[in-house]
């Protein structure tokens, strides 16, 4: 439900496979590096030892 691009109920669904791949990759990166999870109290990347801080959106886009 977080990625509305996967449902066809909106006008923003992906018609091209390349656009869908880019949107899903960006969503997974945001979910793992930017979003602090309530059960973990950190991001999944921090829990796994891949990152030492919560990334900002600007930092995520610069890394892409």
N, C-alpha and C. Protein backbone atom coordinates (compact mmCIF):
# COMPACT_ATOMS: atom_id res chain seq x y z
N UNK A 1 0.81 -1.20 0.00
CA UNK A 1 0.00 0.00 0.00
C UNK A 1 0.85 1.26 0.00
N UNK A 2 2.12 1.15 0.32
CA UNK A 2 2.96 2.35 0.34
C UNK A 2 3.35 2.80 -1.05
N UNK A 3 3.39 1.89 -1.98
CA UNK A 3 3.79 2.23 -3.34
C UNK A 3 2.57 2.15 -4.25
N UNK A 4 1.86 3.27 -4.37
CA UNK A 4 0.61 3.29 -5.13
C UNK A 4 0.84 3.09 -6.63
N UNK A 5 2.06 3.14 -7.06
CA UNK A 5 2.37 2.95 -8.47
C UNK A 5 2.05 1.52 -8.91
N UNK A 6 1.98 0.59 -7.97
CA UNK A 6 1.73 -0.79 -8.33
C UNK A 6 0.24 -1.08 -8.53
N UNK A 7 -0.63 -0.18 -8.13
CA UNK A 7 -2.05 -0.37 -8.35
C UNK A 7 -2.50 0.43 -9.55
N UNK A 8 -3.49 -0.07 -10.24
CA UNK A 8 -3.97 0.61 -11.45
C UNK A 8 -5.12 1.55 -11.15
N UNK A 9 -5.38 1.82 -9.87
CA UNK A 9 -6.49 2.69 -9.51
C UNK A 9 -6.14 4.17 -9.64
N UNK A 10 -4.90 4.47 -9.89
CA UNK A 10 -4.48 5.86 -10.01
C UNK A 10 -3.99 6.12 -11.42
N UNK A 11 -3.73 7.36 -11.71
CA UNK A 11 -3.19 7.74 -13.02
C UNK A 11 -1.69 7.58 -13.09
N UNK A 12 -1.04 7.23 -11.97
CA UNK A 12 0.41 7.22 -11.92
C UNK A 12 1.00 5.82 -12.03
N UNK A 13 0.22 4.86 -12.48
CA UNK A 13 0.80 3.53 -12.58
C UNK A 13 1.82 3.48 -13.71
N UNK A 14 2.77 2.58 -13.60
CA UNK A 14 3.87 2.54 -14.55
C UNK A 14 3.45 1.82 -15.83
N UNK A 15 3.56 2.51 -16.92
CA UNK A 15 3.25 1.90 -18.21
C UNK A 15 4.51 1.31 -18.84
N UNK A 16 5.65 1.83 -18.46
CA UNK A 16 6.92 1.34 -19.00
C UNK A 16 7.66 0.57 -17.92
N UNK A 17 8.29 -0.51 -18.30
CA UNK A 17 9.02 -1.34 -17.35
C UNK A 17 10.19 -0.60 -16.72
N UNK A 18 10.86 0.23 -17.48
CA UNK A 18 12.01 0.99 -16.94
C UNK A 18 11.56 1.95 -15.85
N UNK A 19 10.41 2.60 -16.05
CA UNK A 19 9.89 3.52 -15.03
C UNK A 19 9.49 2.77 -13.76
N UNK A 20 8.90 1.60 -13.93
CA UNK A 20 8.51 0.78 -12.79
C UNK A 20 9.74 0.35 -12.00
N UNK A 21 10.78 -0.09 -12.68
CA UNK A 21 12.01 -0.52 -12.01
C UNK A 21 12.63 0.64 -11.23
N UNK A 22 12.66 1.81 -11.82
CA UNK A 22 13.24 2.98 -11.14
C UNK A 22 12.42 3.37 -9.92
N UNK A 23 11.09 3.33 -10.03
CA UNK A 23 10.24 3.71 -8.91
C UNK A 23 10.36 2.71 -7.76
N UNK A 24 10.41 1.43 -8.08
CA UNK A 24 10.53 0.41 -7.03
C UNK A 24 11.90 0.49 -6.37
N UNK A 25 12.95 0.72 -7.13
CA UNK A 25 14.29 0.86 -6.55
C UNK A 25 14.37 2.07 -5.63
N UNK A 26 13.78 3.19 -6.03
CA UNK A 26 13.77 4.38 -5.20
C UNK A 26 12.96 4.15 -3.92
N UNK A 27 11.84 3.45 -4.04
CA UNK A 27 11.02 3.15 -2.87
C UNK A 27 11.77 2.26 -1.88
N UNK A 28 12.43 1.21 -2.37
CA UNK A 28 13.18 0.32 -1.48
C UNK A 28 14.34 1.05 -0.82
N UNK A 29 15.01 1.93 -1.56
CA UNK A 29 16.11 2.70 -0.97
C UNK A 29 15.60 3.63 0.12
N UNK A 30 14.48 4.31 -0.12
CA UNK A 30 13.90 5.18 0.89
C UNK A 30 13.49 4.36 2.12
N UNK A 31 12.84 3.23 1.88
CA UNK A 31 12.35 2.39 2.97
C UNK A 31 13.51 1.89 3.84
N UNK A 32 14.63 1.56 3.23
CA UNK A 32 15.74 0.97 3.99
C UNK A 32 16.73 1.99 4.55
N UNK A 33 16.86 3.16 3.95
CA UNK A 33 17.88 4.11 4.38
C UNK A 33 17.33 5.38 5.02
N UNK A 34 16.11 5.79 4.68
CA UNK A 34 15.58 7.08 5.15
C UNK A 34 14.50 6.94 6.22
N UNK A 35 13.73 5.89 6.16
CA UNK A 35 12.55 5.76 7.04
C UNK A 35 12.93 5.06 8.33
N UNK A 36 12.70 5.71 9.46
CA UNK A 36 12.94 5.12 10.77
C UNK A 36 11.73 4.26 11.12
N UNK A 37 11.96 3.00 11.41
CA UNK A 37 10.88 2.06 11.70
C UNK A 37 10.59 2.07 13.20
N UNK A 38 9.33 2.02 13.54
CA UNK A 38 8.95 2.11 14.95
C UNK A 38 9.38 0.89 15.75
N UNK A 39 9.35 -0.29 15.15
CA UNK A 39 9.74 -1.48 15.89
C UNK A 39 11.26 -1.55 16.09
N UNK A 40 12.03 -1.07 15.12
CA UNK A 40 13.49 -1.11 15.23
C UNK A 40 14.05 0.14 15.91
N UNK A 41 13.34 1.25 15.77
CA UNK A 41 13.76 2.59 16.23
C UNK A 41 14.97 3.12 15.46
N UNK A 42 15.36 2.44 14.42
CA UNK A 42 16.39 2.88 13.48
C UNK A 42 15.95 2.43 12.09
N UNK A 43 16.74 2.76 11.08
CA UNK A 43 16.44 2.28 9.74
C UNK A 43 16.93 0.84 9.59
N UNK A 44 16.37 0.07 8.67
CA UNK A 44 16.88 -1.29 8.46
C UNK A 44 18.35 -1.33 8.04
N UNK A 45 18.80 -0.32 7.31
CA UNK A 45 20.21 -0.26 6.90
C UNK A 45 21.12 -0.06 8.11
N UNK A 46 20.68 0.75 9.07
CA UNK A 46 21.47 0.95 10.29
C UNK A 46 21.49 -0.34 11.12
N UNK A 47 20.37 -1.02 11.18
CA UNK A 47 20.30 -2.28 11.93
C UNK A 47 21.21 -3.35 11.32
N UNK A 48 21.31 -3.35 10.00
CA UNK A 48 22.16 -4.33 9.31
C UNK A 48 23.62 -3.91 9.28
N UNK A 49 23.93 -2.69 9.72
CA UNK A 49 25.31 -2.22 9.73
C UNK A 49 25.77 -1.63 8.42
N UNK A 50 24.84 -1.31 7.52
CA UNK A 50 25.21 -0.73 6.23
C UNK A 50 25.36 0.78 6.29
N UNK A 51 24.76 1.40 7.29
CA UNK A 51 24.80 2.85 7.43
C UNK A 51 24.93 3.20 8.90
N UNK A 52 25.49 4.38 9.16
CA UNK A 52 25.64 4.80 10.56
C UNK A 52 24.74 5.98 10.91
N UNK A 53 23.91 6.44 9.95
CA UNK A 53 23.00 7.55 10.21
C UNK A 53 21.77 7.42 9.32
N UNK A 54 20.72 8.17 9.66
CA UNK A 54 19.52 8.21 8.84
C UNK A 54 19.78 9.15 7.67
N UNK A 55 19.55 8.65 6.46
CA UNK A 55 19.82 9.45 5.27
C UNK A 55 18.69 10.44 5.04
N UNK A 56 19.02 11.60 4.52
CA UNK A 56 18.00 12.55 4.09
C UNK A 56 17.62 12.21 2.65
N UNK A 57 16.51 12.79 2.20
CA UNK A 57 16.07 12.55 0.82
C UNK A 57 17.12 13.10 -0.16
N UNK A 58 17.69 14.25 0.16
CA UNK A 58 18.70 14.84 -0.72
C UNK A 58 19.93 13.93 -0.81
N UNK A 59 20.32 13.34 0.30
CA UNK A 59 21.47 12.44 0.31
C UNK A 59 21.17 11.18 -0.50
N UNK A 60 19.95 10.68 -0.41
CA UNK A 60 19.55 9.50 -1.17
C UNK A 60 19.58 9.79 -2.67
N UNK A 61 19.04 10.94 -3.07
CA UNK A 61 19.03 11.28 -4.49
C UNK A 61 20.43 11.57 -5.01
N UNK A 62 21.31 12.11 -4.16
CA UNK A 62 22.69 12.35 -4.59
C UNK A 62 23.43 11.04 -4.79
N UNK A 63 23.11 10.05 -3.97
CA UNK A 63 23.76 8.74 -4.09
C UNK A 63 23.27 7.99 -5.33
N UNK A 64 22.06 8.31 -5.76
CA UNK A 64 21.51 7.64 -6.96
C UNK A 64 22.15 8.23 -8.19
